[in-house]
Amino acid sequence: MPDTYSLVRQAILEKKQIIAEYDGYHREMCPHVLGMKNGVRHVLSYQFAGQTSEGLPPEGQWKCMDVDNLSQVLLRDGPWHTGVRKTNKPQRCVDLNEIDVQVAF
C-alpha cells in the first residue's frame, strides 16, 4: 500500500477527494499543494466537509496539514472543491512545492 505522501500526491494529480483523520477529526478535502515547510511535509487542502477543532464554515475552508499526521487516508472520486482566498498574500503552508493544482490562490 502506498504511503500517505504518495496517496496525497496521487490525489492532486488525479483531482481526487481525500477522506482522512487529522488531529482526531474526520476530514473530507481536496488537496491542492504538496511540498515541504521547514523540513516537514505539508499539504494545503480545501476542506469541504467533516470536522475541525473550530467548526467548519458551510462553504468550507483552506487547511494546512502535516502530511505525516494524516491517518486512515482514502481517495475517492467526487466533485473537485476549491475556495477563494480572502487575501492576496501567497500561501504560507508550503515553501518548496513538489506539486500543485493550477488554481488561482
Protein backbone atom coordinates (compact mmCIF):
# COMPACT_ATOMS: atom_id res chain seq x y z
CA MET A 1 0.00 0.00 0.00
CA PRO A 2 1.35 3.47 -0.87
CA ASP A 3 2.46 5.79 1.93
CA THR A 4 0.41 8.85 2.86
CA TYR A 5 2.60 11.27 0.89
CA SER A 6 2.19 9.16 -2.26
CA LEU A 7 -1.58 9.00 -1.77
CA VAL A 8 -1.84 12.79 -1.40
CA ARG A 9 0.35 13.24 -4.48
CA GLN A 10 -1.89 10.87 -6.45
CA ALA A 11 -5.00 12.74 -5.29
CA ILE A 12 -3.57 16.02 -6.58
CA LEU A 13 -2.54 14.56 -9.93
CA GLU A 14 -5.92 12.87 -10.44
CA LYS A 15 -8.02 15.59 -8.73
CA LYS A 16 -9.50 13.12 -6.27
CA GLN A 17 -11.00 13.85 -2.89
CA ILE A 18 -9.31 12.64 0.28
CA ILE A 19 -11.05 11.30 3.35
CA ALA A 20 -8.76 11.15 6.39
CA GLU A 21 -8.35 11.64 10.11
CA TYR A 22 -6.28 14.62 11.29
CA ASP A 23 -5.88 15.87 14.86
CA GLY A 24 -8.64 13.48 15.92
CA TYR A 25 -11.17 14.87 13.42
CA HIS A 26 -12.74 13.33 10.33
CA ARG A 27 -11.84 15.43 7.27
CA GLU A 28 -13.06 15.48 3.68
CA MET A 29 -10.91 17.61 1.43
CA CYS A 30 -9.33 18.28 -1.94
CA PRO A 31 -5.53 18.68 -1.77
CA HIS A 32 -4.06 21.48 -3.85
CA VAL A 33 -0.38 21.96 -2.89
CA LEU A 34 2.12 19.38 -1.63
CA GLY A 35 5.67 20.01 -0.51
CA MET A 36 7.89 20.99 2.40
CA LYS A 37 7.91 23.72 5.04
CA ASN A 38 10.88 23.85 7.42
CA GLY A 39 11.75 20.25 6.58
CA VAL A 40 8.21 18.97 7.31
CA ARG A 41 5.96 17.52 4.58
CA HIS A 42 2.83 19.69 4.28
CA VAL A 43 -0.32 19.71 2.19
CA LEU A 44 -2.62 22.66 1.58
CA SER A 45 -6.16 21.37 1.07
CA TYR A 46 -9.61 22.79 0.71
CA GLN A 47 -11.70 21.06 3.39
CA PHE A 48 -15.34 20.94 2.31
CA ALA A 49 -16.84 18.51 4.85
CA GLY A 50 -16.07 16.80 8.13
CA GLN A 51 -14.94 18.36 11.36
CA THR A 52 -12.34 20.79 12.70
CA SER A 53 -11.48 22.00 16.18
CA GLU A 54 -13.09 25.40 15.44
CA GLY A 55 -16.00 24.13 13.37
CA LEU A 56 -16.08 24.10 9.59
CA PRO A 57 -17.83 27.02 7.84
CA PRO A 58 -20.65 25.89 5.50
CA GLU A 59 -18.63 26.93 2.44
CA GLY A 60 -15.52 25.04 3.64
CA GLN A 61 -12.05 26.44 4.27
CA TRP A 62 -8.36 26.13 3.43
CA LYS A 63 -6.34 23.90 5.77
CA CYS A 64 -2.59 23.41 6.05
CA MET A 65 -1.69 19.98 7.42
CA ASP A 66 1.40 17.99 8.29
CA VAL A 67 1.20 15.02 5.90
CA ASP A 68 2.70 12.63 8.46
CA ASN A 69 -0.17 13.37 10.88
CA LEU A 70 -2.85 12.29 8.39
CA SER A 71 -4.20 8.79 9.02
CA GLN A 72 -6.76 6.43 7.51
CA VAL A 73 -6.29 8.19 4.17
CA LEU A 74 -8.63 7.13 1.37
CA LEU A 75 -9.01 8.61 -2.11
CA ARG A 76 -12.37 8.87 -3.81
CA ASP A 77 -13.96 10.29 -6.91
CA GLY A 78 -16.25 13.27 -6.48
CA PRO A 79 -16.60 16.96 -7.23
CA TRP A 80 -13.40 18.97 -7.00
CA HIS A 81 -13.73 21.62 -4.29
CA THR A 82 -11.69 24.78 -4.07
CA GLY A 83 -12.17 28.14 -2.45
CA VAL A 84 -11.45 31.78 -2.93
CA ARG A 85 -8.56 33.16 -0.93
CA LYS A 86 -9.61 36.05 1.29
CA THR A 87 -6.22 37.69 0.93
CA ASN A 88 -3.91 38.35 -1.97
CA LYS A 89 -0.87 37.20 0.02
CA PRO A 90 0.79 33.99 -1.18
CA GLN A 91 0.04 30.79 0.70
CA ARG A 92 2.47 30.04 3.56
CA CYS A 93 1.75 26.34 4.07
CA VAL A 94 4.45 25.08 1.71
CA ASP A 95 7.81 26.70 0.92
CA LEU A 96 9.13 24.08 -1.50
CA ASN A 97 6.35 22.88 -3.80
CA GLU A 98 6.60 19.40 -5.18
CA ILE A 99 3.26 19.55 -6.94
CA ASP A 100 0.23 21.81 -7.06
CA VAL A 101 -3.09 22.10 -8.83
CA GLN A 102 -3.12 25.08 -11.14
CA VAL A 103 -5.79 27.20 -9.48
CA ALA A 104 -5.83 30.84 -8.55
CA PHE A 105 -4.94 31.39 -4.90
